[in-house]
Amino acid sequence: MLTSIITLLLLFFIVSYVSAQTAVVFGGSGAVGSEVLKSVLSDTFFEEVIVVGRHSSFKKIDEIVSSAKGESKVKRVNLARVEDISTYAKKIERADACLIALGASAPH
């Protein structure tokens, strides 16, 4: 798990030196993903954060967003809603940073 966290944090810091404005976060409700999401939300570098997940994960994501006071820059994409995916497909495709923490803290 520590290796996964370190890898994701290094990726985040590398991405933060590139002039990005929109970040996409996959897996933002897990142990590693929630820390990545908190970091992205607290960084003024990102003007918009698109969080992609299942409906069941949005309660945890909402708690993280609320505690980080990042509501104004977060867009949620529910994988179960086709209209969400089609609405944000272009933004996700053109995002400046993509952070994936799916299964990062799961034992392998």
PDB file of N, CA and C in Angstrom:
ATOM      1  N   MET A   1       0.822  -1.188   0.000  1.00  0.00           N
ATOM      2  CA  MET A   1       0.000   0.000   0.000  1.00  0.00           C
ATOM      3  C   MET A   1       0.868   1.255   0.000  1.00  0.00           C
ATOM      4  N   LEU A   2       1.927   1.258   0.784  1.00  0.00           N
ATOM      5  CA  LEU A   2       2.799   2.422   0.852  1.00  0.00           C
ATOM      6  C   LEU A   2       3.409   2.721  -0.514  1.00  0.00           C
ATOM      7  N   THR A   3       3.787   1.678  -1.241  1.00  0.00           N
ATOM      8  CA  THR A   3       4.338   1.865  -2.576  1.00  0.00           C
ATOM      9  C   THR A   3       3.321   2.523  -3.501  1.00  0.00           C
ATOM     10  N   SER A   4       2.059   2.099  -3.409  1.00  0.00           N
ATOM     11  CA  SER A   4       1.003   2.698  -4.233  1.00  0.00           C
ATOM     12  C   SER A   4       0.812   4.162  -3.903  1.00  0.00           C
ATOM     13  N   ILE A   5       0.820   4.486  -2.621  1.00  0.00           N
ATOM     14  CA  ILE A   5       0.653   5.881  -2.204  1.00  0.00           C
ATOM     15  C   ILE A   5       1.803   6.731  -2.715  1.00  0.00           C
ATOM     16  N   ILE A   6       3.008   6.244  -2.551  1.00  0.00           N
ATOM     17  CA  ILE A   6       4.182   6.990  -3.003  1.00  0.00           C
ATOM     18  C   ILE A   6       4.139   7.187  -4.517  1.00  0.00           C
ATOM     19  N   THR A   7       3.776   6.140  -5.254  1.00  0.00           N
ATOM     20  CA  THR A   7       3.678   6.242  -6.707  1.00  0.00           C
ATOM     21  C   THR A   7       2.659   7.290  -7.116  1.00  0.00           C
ATOM     22  N   LEU A   8       1.490   7.271  -6.497  1.00  0.00           N
ATOM     23  CA  LEU A   8       0.457   8.254  -6.836  1.00  0.00           C
ATOM     24  C   LEU A   8       0.870   9.670  -6.459  1.00  0.00           C
ATOM     25  N   LEU A   9       1.517   9.832  -5.322  1.00  0.00           N
ATOM     26  CA  LEU A   9       1.966  11.164  -4.929  1.00  0.00           C
ATOM     27  C   LEU A   9       3.040  11.688  -5.875  1.00  0.00           C
ATOM     28  N   LEU A  10       3.949  10.823  -6.287  1.00  0.00           N
ATOM     29  CA  LEU A  10       4.960  11.241  -7.265  1.00  0.00           C
ATOM     30  C   LEU A  10       4.307  11.653  -8.574  1.00  0.00           C
ATOM     31  N   LEU A  11       3.332  10.868  -9.020  1.00  0.00           N
ATOM     32  CA  LEU A  11       2.602  11.210 -10.235  1.00  0.00           C
ATOM     33  C   LEU A  11       1.931  12.563 -10.082  1.00  0.00           C
ATOM     34  N   PHE A  12       1.315  12.786  -8.924  1.00  0.00           N
ATOM     35  CA  PHE A  12       0.635  14.053  -8.673  1.00  0.00           C
ATOM     36  C   PHE A  12       1.624  15.221  -8.740  1.00  0.00           C
ATOM     37  N   PHE A  13       2.779  15.080  -8.108  1.00  0.00           N
ATOM     38  CA  PHE A  13       3.754  16.168  -8.118  1.00  0.00           C
ATOM     39  C   PHE A  13       4.331  16.405  -9.508  1.00  0.00           C
ATOM     40  N   ILE A  14       4.535  15.347 -10.269  1.00  0.00           N
ATOM     41  CA  ILE A  14       5.011  15.510 -11.644  1.00  0.00           C
ATOM     42  C   ILE A  14       3.979  16.263 -12.461  1.00  0.00           C
ATOM     43  N   VAL A  15       2.724  15.867 -12.326  1.00  0.00           N
ATOM     44  CA  VAL A  15       1.644  16.521 -13.053  1.00  0.00           C
ATOM     45  C   VAL A  15       1.518  17.984 -12.639  1.00  0.00           C
ATOM     46  N   SER A  16       1.771  18.284 -11.369  1.00  0.00           N
ATOM     47  CA  SER A  16       1.582  19.650 -10.891  1.00  0.00           C
ATOM     48  C   SER A  16       2.607  20.628 -11.454  1.00  0.00           C
ATOM     49  N   TYR A  17       3.689  20.138 -12.041  1.00  0.00           N
ATOM     50  CA  TYR A  17       4.649  21.033 -12.666  1.00  0.00           C
ATOM     51  C   TYR A  17       4.314  21.342 -14.121  1.00  0.00           C
ATOM     52  N   VAL A  18       3.349  20.662 -14.659  1.00  0.00           N
ATOM     53  CA  VAL A  18       2.868  20.914 -16.006  1.00  0.00           C
ATOM     54  C   VAL A  18       1.721  21.906 -15.883  1.00  0.00           C
ATOM     55  N   SER A  19       1.539  22.774 -16.868  1.00  0.00           N
ATOM     56  CA  SER A  19       0.473  23.770 -16.724  1.00  0.00           C
ATOM     57  C   SER A  19      -0.884  23.152 -17.018  1.00  0.00           C
ATOM     58  N   ALA A  20      -1.471  22.561 -16.007  1.00  0.00           N
ATOM     59  CA  ALA A  20      -2.778  21.922 -16.128  1.00  0.00           C
ATOM     60  C   ALA A  20      -3.827  22.741 -15.408  1.00  0.00           C
ATOM     61  N   GLN A  21      -5.066  22.594 -15.847  1.00  0.00           N
ATOM     62  CA  GLN A  21      -6.156  23.292 -15.201  1.00  0.00           C
ATOM     63  C   GLN A  21      -7.296  22.358 -14.831  1.00  0.00           C
ATOM     64  N   THR A  22      -7.433  21.273 -15.535  1.00  0.00           N
ATOM     65  CA  THR A  22      -8.506  20.323 -15.270  1.00  0.00           C
ATOM     66  C   THR A  22      -7.906  18.969 -14.917  1.00  0.00           C
ATOM     67  N   ALA A  23      -8.371  18.404 -13.812  1.00  0.00           N
ATOM     68  CA  ALA A  23      -7.916  17.079 -13.401  1.00  0.00           C
ATOM     69  C   ALA A  23      -9.109  16.130 -13.381  1.00  0.00           C
ATOM     70  N   VAL A  24      -8.864  14.898 -13.773  1.00  0.00           N
ATOM     71  CA  VAL A  24      -9.867  13.841 -13.679  1.00  0.00           C
ATOM     72  C   VAL A  24      -9.350  12.853 -12.649  1.00  0.00           C
ATOM     73  N   VAL A  25     -10.211  12.492 -11.698  1.00  0.00           N
ATOM     74  CA  VAL A  25      -9.822  11.542 -10.662  1.00  0.00           C
ATOM     75  C   VAL A  25     -10.744  10.332 -10.739  1.00  0.00           C
ATOM     76  N   PHE A  26     -10.146   9.164 -10.934  1.00  0.00           N
ATOM     77  CA  PHE A  26     -10.863   7.894 -10.893  1.00  0.00           C
ATOM     78  C   PHE A  26     -10.502   7.224  -9.570  1.00  0.00           C
ATOM     79  N   GLY A  27     -11.496   6.730  -8.845  1.00  0.00           N
ATOM     80  CA  GLY A  27     -11.224   6.039  -7.589  1.00  0.00           C
ATOM     81  C   GLY A  27     -10.987   6.985  -6.427  1.00  0.00           C
ATOM     82  N   GLY A  28     -11.687   8.102  -6.414  1.00  0.00           N
ATOM     83  CA  GLY A  28     -11.473   9.124  -5.388  1.00  0.00           C
ATOM     84  C   GLY A  28     -12.072   8.834  -4.031  1.00  0.00           C
ATOM     85  N   SER A  29     -12.687   7.680  -3.840  1.00  0.00           N
ATOM     86  CA  SER A  29     -13.309   7.403  -2.550  1.00  0.00           C
ATOM     87  C   SER A  29     -12.540   6.385  -1.708  1.00  0.00           C
ATOM     88  N   GLY A  30     -11.552   5.761  -2.275  1.00  0.00           N
ATOM     89  CA  GLY A  30     -10.773   4.758  -1.535  1.00  0.00           C
ATOM     90  C   GLY A  30      -9.722   5.399  -0.649  1.00  0.00           C
ATOM     91  N   ALA A  31      -8.935   4.567   0.011  1.00  0.00           N
ATOM     92  CA  ALA A  31      -7.915   5.047   0.946  1.00  0.00           C
ATOM     93  C   ALA A  31      -6.884   5.934   0.248  1.00  0.00           C
ATOM     94  N   VAL A  32      -6.368   5.485  -0.862  1.00  0.00           N
ATOM     95  CA  VAL A  32      -5.371   6.263  -1.608  1.00  0.00           C
ATOM     96  C   VAL A  32      -6.059   7.366  -2.409  1.00  0.00           C
ATOM     97  N   GLY A  33      -7.133   7.021  -3.099  1.00  0.00           N
ATOM     98  CA  GLY A  33      -7.830   7.985  -3.943  1.00  0.00           C
ATOM     99  C   GLY A  33      -8.367   9.174  -3.189  1.00  0.00           C
ATOM    100  N   SER A  34      -8.827   8.964  -1.954  1.00  0.00           N
ATOM    101  CA  SER A  34      -9.345  10.092  -1.174  1.00  0.00           C
ATOM    102  C   SER A  34      -8.232  11.083  -0.842  1.00  0.00           C
ATOM    103  N   GLU A  35      -7.029  10.586  -0.597  1.00  0.00           N
ATOM    104  CA  GLU A  35      -5.903  11.485  -0.333  1.00  0.00           C
ATOM    105  C   GLU A  35      -5.490  12.232  -1.602  1.00  0.00           C
ATOM    106  N   VAL A  36      -5.521  11.535  -2.723  1.00  0.00           N
ATOM    107  CA  VAL A  36      -5.234  12.179  -4.006  1.00  0.00           C
ATOM    108  C   VAL A  36      -6.268  13.270  -4.280  1.00  0.00           C
ATOM    109  N   LEU A  37      -7.546  12.950  -4.057  1.00  0.00           N
ATOM    110  CA  LEU A  37      -8.616  13.920  -4.280  1.00  0.00           C
ATOM    111  C   LEU A  37      -8.452  15.144  -3.380  1.00  0.00           C
ATOM    112  N   LYS A  38      -8.139  14.930  -2.116  1.00  0.00           N
ATOM    113  CA  LYS A  38      -7.913  16.052  -1.194  1.00  0.00           C
ATOM    114  C   LYS A  38      -6.789  16.953  -1.692  1.00  0.00           C
ATOM    115  N   SER A  39      -5.713  16.344  -2.162  1.00  0.00           N
ATOM    116  CA  SER A  39      -4.573  17.114  -2.664  1.00  0.00           C
ATOM    117  C   SER A  39      -4.938  17.936  -3.886  1.00  0.00           C
ATOM    118  N   VAL A  40      -5.663  17.312  -4.799  1.00  0.00           N
ATOM    119  CA  VAL A  40      -6.070  18.020  -6.021  1.00  0.00           C
ATOM    120  C   VAL A  40      -7.010  19.177  -5.681  1.00  0.00           C
ATOM    121  N   LEU A  41      -7.931  18.939  -4.763  1.00  0.00           N
ATOM    122  CA  LEU A  41      -8.891  19.986  -4.391  1.00  0.00           C
ATOM    123  C   LEU A  41      -8.224  21.153  -3.688  1.00  0.00           C
ATOM    124  N   SER A  42      -7.201  20.884  -2.906  1.00  0.00           N
ATOM    125  CA  SER A  42      -6.546  21.962  -2.163  1.00  0.00           C
ATOM    126  C   SER A  42      -5.540  22.740  -3.009  1.00  0.00           C
ATOM    127  N   ASP A  43      -5.189  22.204  -4.160  1.00  0.00           N
ATOM    128  CA  ASP A  43      -4.215  22.851  -5.036  1.00  0.00           C
ATOM    129  C   ASP A  43      -4.919  23.857  -5.942  1.00  0.00           C
ATOM    130  N   THR A  44      -4.532  25.120  -5.860  1.00  0.00           N
ATOM    131  CA  THR A  44      -5.141  26.166  -6.689  1.00  0.00           C
ATOM    132  C   THR A  44      -4.779  26.013  -8.158  1.00  0.00           C
ATOM    133  N   PHE A  45      -3.829  25.165  -8.447  1.00  0.00           N
ATOM    134  CA  PHE A  45      -3.402  24.894  -9.810  1.00  0.00           C
ATOM    135  C   PHE A  45      -4.548  24.342 -10.659  1.00  0.00           C
ATOM    136  N   PHE A  46      -5.410  23.523 -10.037  1.00  0.00           N
ATOM    137  CA  PHE A  46      -6.527  22.924 -10.755  1.00  0.00           C
ATOM    138  C   PHE A  46      -7.783  23.756 -10.553  1.00  0.00           C
ATOM    139  N   GLU A  47      -8.337  24.219 -11.654  1.00  0.00           N
ATOM    140  CA  GLU A  47      -9.557  25.014 -11.606  1.00  0.00           C
ATOM    141  C   GLU A  47     -10.800  24.142 -11.627  1.00  0.00           C
ATOM    142  N   GLU A  48     -10.683  22.956 -12.199  1.00  0.00           N
ATOM    143  CA  GLU A  48     -11.813  22.046 -12.310  1.00  0.00           C
ATOM    144  C   GLU A  48     -11.344  20.626 -12.020  1.00  0.00           C
ATOM    145  N   VAL A  49     -12.148  19.898 -11.247  1.00  0.00           N
ATOM    146  CA  VAL A  49     -11.839  18.512 -10.914  1.00  0.00           C
ATOM    147  C   VAL A  49     -13.050  17.665 -11.279  1.00  0.00           C
ATOM    148  N   ILE A  50     -12.837  16.717 -12.167  1.00  0.00           N
ATOM    149  CA  ILE A  50     -13.905  15.801 -12.578  1.00  0.00           C
ATOM    150  C   ILE A  50     -13.661  14.481 -11.856  1.00  0.00           C
ATOM    151  N   VAL A  51     -14.620  14.094 -11.023  1.00  0.00           N
ATOM    152  CA  VAL A  51     -14.504  12.854 -10.252  1.00  0.00           C
ATOM    153  C   VAL A  51     -15.409  11.809 -10.897  1.00  0.00           C
ATOM    154  N   VAL A  52     -14.815  10.718 -11.333  1.00  0.00           N
ATOM    155  CA  VAL A  52     -15.553   9.651 -12.001  1.00  0.00           C
ATOM    156  C   VAL A  52     -15.689   8.476 -11.034  1.00  0.00           C
ATOM    157  N   GLY A  53     -16.921   8.009 -10.867  1.00  0.00           N
ATOM    158  CA  GLY A  53     -17.118   6.881  -9.962  1.00  0.00           C
ATOM    159  C   GLY A  53     -18.515   6.320 -10.030  1.00  0.00           C
ATOM    160  N   ARG A  54     -18.775   5.392  -9.129  1.00  0.00           N
ATOM    161  CA  ARG A  54     -20.104   4.808  -9.002  1.00  0.00           C
ATOM    162  C   ARG A  54     -20.932   5.679  -8.066  1.00  0.00           C
ATOM    163  N   HIS A  55     -22.229   5.575  -8.218  1.00  0.00           N
ATOM    164  CA  HIS A  55     -23.138   6.339  -7.354  1.00  0.00           C
ATOM    165  C   HIS A  55     -22.868   6.053  -5.878  1.00  0.00           C
ATOM    166  N   SER A  56     -22.571   4.812  -5.556  1.00  0.00           N
ATOM    167  CA  SER A  56     -22.343   4.423  -4.162  1.00  0.00           C
ATOM    168  C   SER A  56     -21.110   5.097  -3.557  1.00  0.00           C
ATOM    169  N   SER A  57     -20.190   5.553  -4.382  1.00  0.00           N
ATOM    170  CA  SER A  57     -18.974   6.197  -3.867  1.00  0.00           C
ATOM    171  C   SER A  57     -19.147   7.694  -3.653  1.00  0.00           C
ATOM    172  N   PHE A  58     -20.226   8.278  -4.143  1.00  0.00           N
ATOM    173  CA  PHE A  58     -20.379   9.732  -4.077  1.00  0.00           C
ATOM    174  C   PHE A  58     -20.618  10.260  -2.669  1.00  0.00           C
ATOM    175  N   LYS A  59     -21.151   9.441  -1.764  1.00  0.00           N
ATOM    176  CA  LYS A  59     -21.328   9.906  -0.385  1.00  0.00           C
ATOM    177  C   LYS A  59     -19.956  10.214   0.225  1.00  0.00           C
ATOM    178  N   LYS A  60     -19.020   9.288   0.064  1.00  0.00           N
ATOM    179  CA  LYS A  60     -17.652   9.489   0.577  1.00  0.00           C
ATOM    180  C   LYS A  60     -16.990  10.659  -0.150  1.00  0.00           C
ATOM    181  N   ILE A  61     -17.170  10.746  -1.454  1.00  0.00           N
ATOM    182  CA  ILE A  61     -16.585  11.834  -2.232  1.00  0.00           C
ATOM    183  C   ILE A  61     -17.161  13.170  -1.793  1.00  0.00           C
ATOM    184  N   ASP A  62     -18.463  13.226  -1.540  1.00  0.00           N
ATOM    185  CA  ASP A  62     -19.091  14.460  -1.070  1.00  0.00           C
ATOM    186  C   ASP A  62     -18.506  14.915   0.262  1.00  0.00           C
ATOM    187  N   GLU A  63     -18.212  13.968   1.152  1.00  0.00           N
ATOM    188  CA  GLU A  63     -17.590  14.303   2.440  1.00  0.00           C
ATOM    189  C   GLU A  63     -16.201  14.912   2.228  1.00  0.00           C
ATOM    190  N   ILE A  64     -15.437  14.330   1.328  1.00  0.00           N
ATOM    191  CA  ILE A  64     -14.085  14.820   1.042  1.00  0.00           C
ATOM    192  C   ILE A  64     -14.157  16.217   0.438  1.00  0.00           C
ATOM    193  N   VAL A  65     -15.034  16.394  -0.534  1.00  0.00           N
ATOM    194  CA  VAL A  65     -15.182  17.678  -1.212  1.00  0.00           C
ATOM    195  C   VAL A  65     -15.617  18.750  -0.219  1.00  0.00           C
ATOM    196  N   SER A  66     -16.558  18.410   0.635  1.00  0.00           N
ATOM    197  CA  SER A  66     -17.059  19.360   1.627  1.00  0.00           C
ATOM    198  C   SER A  66     -15.961  19.768   2.607  1.00  0.00           C
ATOM    199  N   SER A  67     -15.202  18.806   3.090  1.00  0.00           N
ATOM    200  CA  SER A  67     -14.137  19.120   4.052  1.00  0.00           C
ATOM    201  C   SER A  67     -13.008  19.921   3.415  1.00  0.00           C
ATOM    202  N   ALA A  68     -12.803  19.743   2.121  1.00  0.00           N
ATOM    203  CA  ALA A  68     -11.750  20.487   1.416  1.00  0.00           C
ATOM    204  C   ALA A  68     -12.255  21.814   0.859  1.00  0.00           C
ATOM    205  N   LYS A  69     -13.539  22.079   1.057  1.00  0.00           N
ATOM    206  CA  LYS A  69     -14.164  23.296   0.528  1.00  0.00           C
ATOM    207  C   LYS A  69     -13.910  23.441  -0.978  1.00  0.00           C
ATOM    208  N   GLY A  70     -14.091  22.328  -1.694  1.00  0.00           N
ATOM    209  CA  GLY A  70     -13.817  22.316  -3.121  1.00  0.00           C
ATOM    210  C   GLY A  70     -15.046  22.162  -3.988  1.00  0.00           C
ATOM    211  N   GLU A  71     -16.215  22.394  -3.409  1.00  0.00           N
ATOM    212  CA  GLU A  71     -17.475  22.165  -4.127  1.00  0.00           C
ATOM    213  C   GLU A  71     -17.551  22.922  -5.445  1.00  0.00           C
ATOM    214  N   SER A  72     -17.041  24.139  -5.469  1.00  0.00           N
ATOM    215  CA  SER A  72     -17.185  24.974  -6.665  1.00  0.00           C
ATOM    216  C   SER A  72     -16.420  24.447  -7.870  1.00  0.00           C
ATOM    217  N   LYS A  73     -15.406  23.622  -7.645  1.00  0.00           N
ATOM    218  CA  LYS A  73     -14.636  23.146  -8.795  1.00  0.00           C
ATOM    219  C   LYS A  73     -14.841  21.676  -9.128  1.00  0.00           C
ATOM    220  N   VAL A  74     -15.768  21.000  -8.443  1.00  0.00           N
ATOM    221  CA  VAL A  74     -15.968  19.566  -8.664  1.00  0.00           C
ATOM    222  C   VAL A  74     -17.179  19.283  -9.536  1.00  0.00           C
ATOM    223  N   LYS A  75     -16.977  18.398 -10.486  1.00  0.00           N
ATOM    224  CA  LYS A  75     -18.055  17.844 -11.308  1.00  0.00           C
ATOM    225  C   LYS A  75     -18.020  16.339 -11.080  1.00  0.00           C
ATOM    226  N   ARG A  76     -19.172  15.741 -10.871  1.00  0.00           N
ATOM    227  CA  ARG A  76     -19.252  14.306 -10.629  1.00  0.00           C
ATOM    228  C   ARG A  76     -19.777  13.593 -11.867  1.00  0.00           C
ATOM    229  N   VAL A  77     -19.134  12.511 -12.237  1.00  0.00           N
ATOM    230  CA  VAL A  77     -19.581  11.691 -13.360  1.00  0.00           C
ATOM    231  C   VAL A  77     -19.926  10.317 -12.807  1.00  0.00           C
ATOM    232  N   ASN A  78     -21.202   9.987 -12.861  1.00  0.00           N
ATOM    233  CA  ASN A  78     -21.699   8.700 -12.384  1.00  0.00           C
ATOM    234  C   ASN A  78     -21.615   7.706 -13.542  1.00  0.00           C
ATOM    235  N   LEU A  79     -20.822   6.670 -13.367  1.00  0.00           N
ATOM    236  CA  LEU A  79     -20.637   5.681 -14.439  1.00  0.00           C
ATOM    237  C   LEU A  79     -21.919   4.962 -14.819  1.00  0.00           C
ATOM    238  N   ALA A  80     -22.904   4.944 -13.930  1.00  0.00           N
ATOM    239  CA  ALA A  80     -24.159   4.262 -14.224  1.00  0.00           C
ATOM    240  C   ALA A  80     -25.102   5.115 -15.062  1.00  0.00           C
ATOM    241  N   ARG A  81     -24.804   6.391 -15.203  1.00  0.00           N
ATOM    242  CA  ARG A  81     -25.685   7.294 -15.956  1.00  0.00           C
ATOM    243  C   ARG A  81     -25.036   7.635 -17.299  1.00  0.00           C
ATOM    244  N   VAL A  82     -25.594   7.123 -18.357  1.00  0.00           N
ATOM    245  CA  VAL A  82     -25.050   7.339 -19.700  1.00  0.00           C
ATOM    246  C   VAL A  82     -24.975   8.837 -20.017  1.00  0.00           C
ATOM    247  N   GLU A  83     -25.981   9.600 -19.589  1.00  0.00           N
ATOM    248  CA  GLU A  83     -25.975  11.031 -19.891  1.00  0.00           C
ATOM    249  C   GLU A  83     -24.814  11.753 -19.201  1.00  0.00           C
ATOM    250  N   ASP A  84     -24.404  11.296 -18.015  1.00  0.00           N
ATOM    251  CA  ASP A  84     -23.236  11.882 -17.357  1.00  0.00           C
ATOM    252  C   ASP A  84     -21.985  11.649 -18.194  1.00  0.00           C
ATOM    253  N   ILE A  85     -21.839  10.416 -18.644  1.00  0.00           N
ATOM    254  CA  ILE A  85     -20.650  10.059 -19.419  1.00  0.00           C
ATOM    255  C   ILE A  85     -20.605  10.861 -20.716  1.00  0.00           C
ATOM    256  N   SER A  86     -21.725  10.944 -21.428  1.00  0.00           N
ATOM    257  CA  SER A  86     -21.725  11.673 -22.697  1.00  0.00           C
ATOM    258  C   SER A  86     -21.544  13.177 -22.483  1.00  0.00           C
ATOM    259  N   THR A  87     -22.058  13.708 -21.373  1.00  0.00           N
ATOM    260  CA  THR A  87     -21.908  15.137 -21.083  1.00  0.00           C
ATOM    261  C   THR A  87     -20.445  15.504 -20.841  1.00  0.00           C
ATOM    262  N   TYR A  88     -19.720  14.650 -20.129  1.00  0.00           N
ATOM    263  CA  TYR A  88     -18.351  14.971 -19.739  1.00  0.00           C
ATOM    264  C   TYR A  88     -17.277  14.291 -20.571  1.00  0.00           C
ATOM    265  N   ALA A  89     -17.660  13.524 -21.572  1.00  0.00           N
ATOM    266  CA  ALA A  89     -16.682  12.768 -22.360  1.00  0.00           C
ATOM    267  C   ALA A  89     -15.604  13.665 -22.966  1.00  0.00           C
ATOM    268  N   LYS A  90     -15.994  14.776 -23.560  1.00  0.00           N
ATOM    269  CA  LYS A  90     -15.009  15.682 -24.179  1.00  0.00           C
ATOM    270  C   LYS A  90     -14.097  16.312 -23.137  1.00  0.00           C
ATOM    271  N   LYS A  91     -14.671  16.701 -21.986  1.00  0.00           N
ATOM    272  CA  LYS A  91     -13.845  17.298 -20.933  1.00  0.00           C
ATOM    273  C   LYS A  91     -12.844  16.289 -20.392  1.00  0.00           C
ATOM    274  N   ILE A  92     -13.294  15.048 -20.221  1.00  0.00           N
ATOM    275  CA  ILE A  92     -12.384  14.011 -19.736  1.00  0.00           C
ATOM    276  C   ILE A  92     -11.288  13.768 -20.771  1.00  0.00           C
ATOM    277  N   GLU A  93     -11.675  13.722 -22.020  1.00  0.00           N
ATOM    278  CA  GLU A  93     -10.715  13.498 -23.108  1.00  0.00           C
ATOM    279  C   GLU A  93      -9.664  14.603 -23.169  1.00  0.00           C
ATOM    280  N   ARG A  94     -10.063  15.833 -22.866  1.00  0.00           N
ATOM    281  CA  ARG A  94      -9.151  16.980 -22.967  1.00  0.00           C
ATOM    282  C   ARG A  94      -8.548  17.396 -21.627  1.00  0.00           C
ATOM    283  N   ALA A  95      -8.748  16.601 -20.589  1.00  0.00           N
ATOM    284  CA  ALA A  95      -8.226  16.947 -19.267  1.00  0.00           C
ATOM    285  C   ALA A  95      -6.707  17.053 -19.304  1.00  0.00           C
ATOM    286  N   ASP A  96      -6.206  17.921 -18.473  1.00  0.00           N
ATOM    287  CA  ASP A  96      -4.765  18.145 -18.411  1.00  0.00           C
ATOM    288  C   ASP A  96      -4.052  17.121 -17.536  1.00  0.00           C
ATOM    289  N   ALA A  97      -4.775  16.539 -16.584  1.00  0.00           N
ATOM    290  CA  ALA A  97      -4.191  15.534 -15.694  1.00  0.00           C
ATOM    291  C   ALA A  97      -5.234  14.460 -15.411  1.00  0.00           C
ATOM    292  N   CYS A  98      -4.788  13.225 -15.376  1.00  0.00           N
ATOM    293  CA  CYS A  98      -5.693  12.108 -15.064  1.00  0.00           C
ATOM    294  C   CYS A  98      -5.031  11.284 -13.961  1.00  0.00           C
ATOM    295  N   LEU A  99      -5.687  11.222 -12.825  1.00  0.00           N
ATOM    296  CA  LEU A  99      -5.150  10.501 -11.672  1.00  0.00           C
ATOM    297  C   LEU A  99      -6.048   9.293 -11.407  1.00  0.00           C
ATOM    298  N   ILE A 100      -5.461   8.114 -11.452  1.00  0.00           N
ATOM    299  CA  ILE A 100      -6.233   6.880 -11.315  1.00  0.00           C
ATOM    300  C   ILE A 100      -5.776   6.143 -10.061  1.00  0.00           C
ATOM    301  N   ALA A 101      -6.734   5.958  -9.153  1.00  0.00           N
ATOM    302  CA  ALA A 101      -6.430   5.258  -7.893  1.00  0.00           C
ATOM    303  C   ALA A 101      -7.393   4.092  -7.701  1.00  0.00           C
ATOM    304  N   LEU A 102      -7.789   3.477  -8.769  1.00  0.00           N
ATOM    305  CA  LEU A 102      -8.710   2.341  -8.700  1.00  0.00           C
ATOM    306  C   LEU A 102      -7.985   1.123  -8.142  1.00  0.00           C
ATOM    307  N   GLY A 103      -8.455   0.622  -7.017  1.00  0.00           N
ATOM    308  CA  GLY A 103      -7.848  -0.564  -6.425  1.00  0.00           C
ATOM    309  C   GLY A 103      -6.447  -0.350  -5.901  1.00  0.00           C
ATOM    310  N   ALA A 104      -6.056   0.895  -5.697  1.00  0.00           N
ATOM    311  CA  ALA A 104      -4.680   1.190  -5.269  1.00  0.00           C
ATOM    312  C   ALA A 104      -4.355   0.653  -3.884  1.00  0.00           C
ATOM    313  N   SER A 105      -5.363   0.603  -3.017  1.00  0.00           N
ATOM    314  CA  SER A 105      -5.077   0.112  -1.659  1.00  0.00           C
ATOM    315  C   SER A 105      -5.524  -1.333  -1.459  1.00  0.00           C
ATOM    316  N   ALA A 106      -6.002  -1.972  -2.519  1.00  0.00           N
ATOM    317  CA  ALA A 106      -6.415  -3.376  -2.431  1.00  0.00           C
ATOM    318  C   ALA A 106      -5.173  -4.268  -2.408  1.00  0.00           C
ATOM    319  N   PRO A 107      -5.205  -5.329  -1.619  1.00  0.00           N
ATOM    320  CA  PRO A 107      -4.053  -6.243  -1.604  1.00  0.00           C
ATOM    321  C   PRO A 107      -3.903  -6.933  -2.958  1.00  0.00           C
ATOM    322  N   HIS A 108      -2.691  -7.067  -3.410  1.00  0.00           N
ATOM    323  CA  HIS A 108      -2.419  -7.697  -4.717  1.00  0.00           C
ATOM    324  C   HIS A 108      -1.674  -8.978  -4.556  1.00  0.00           C
TER     325      HIS A 108
END
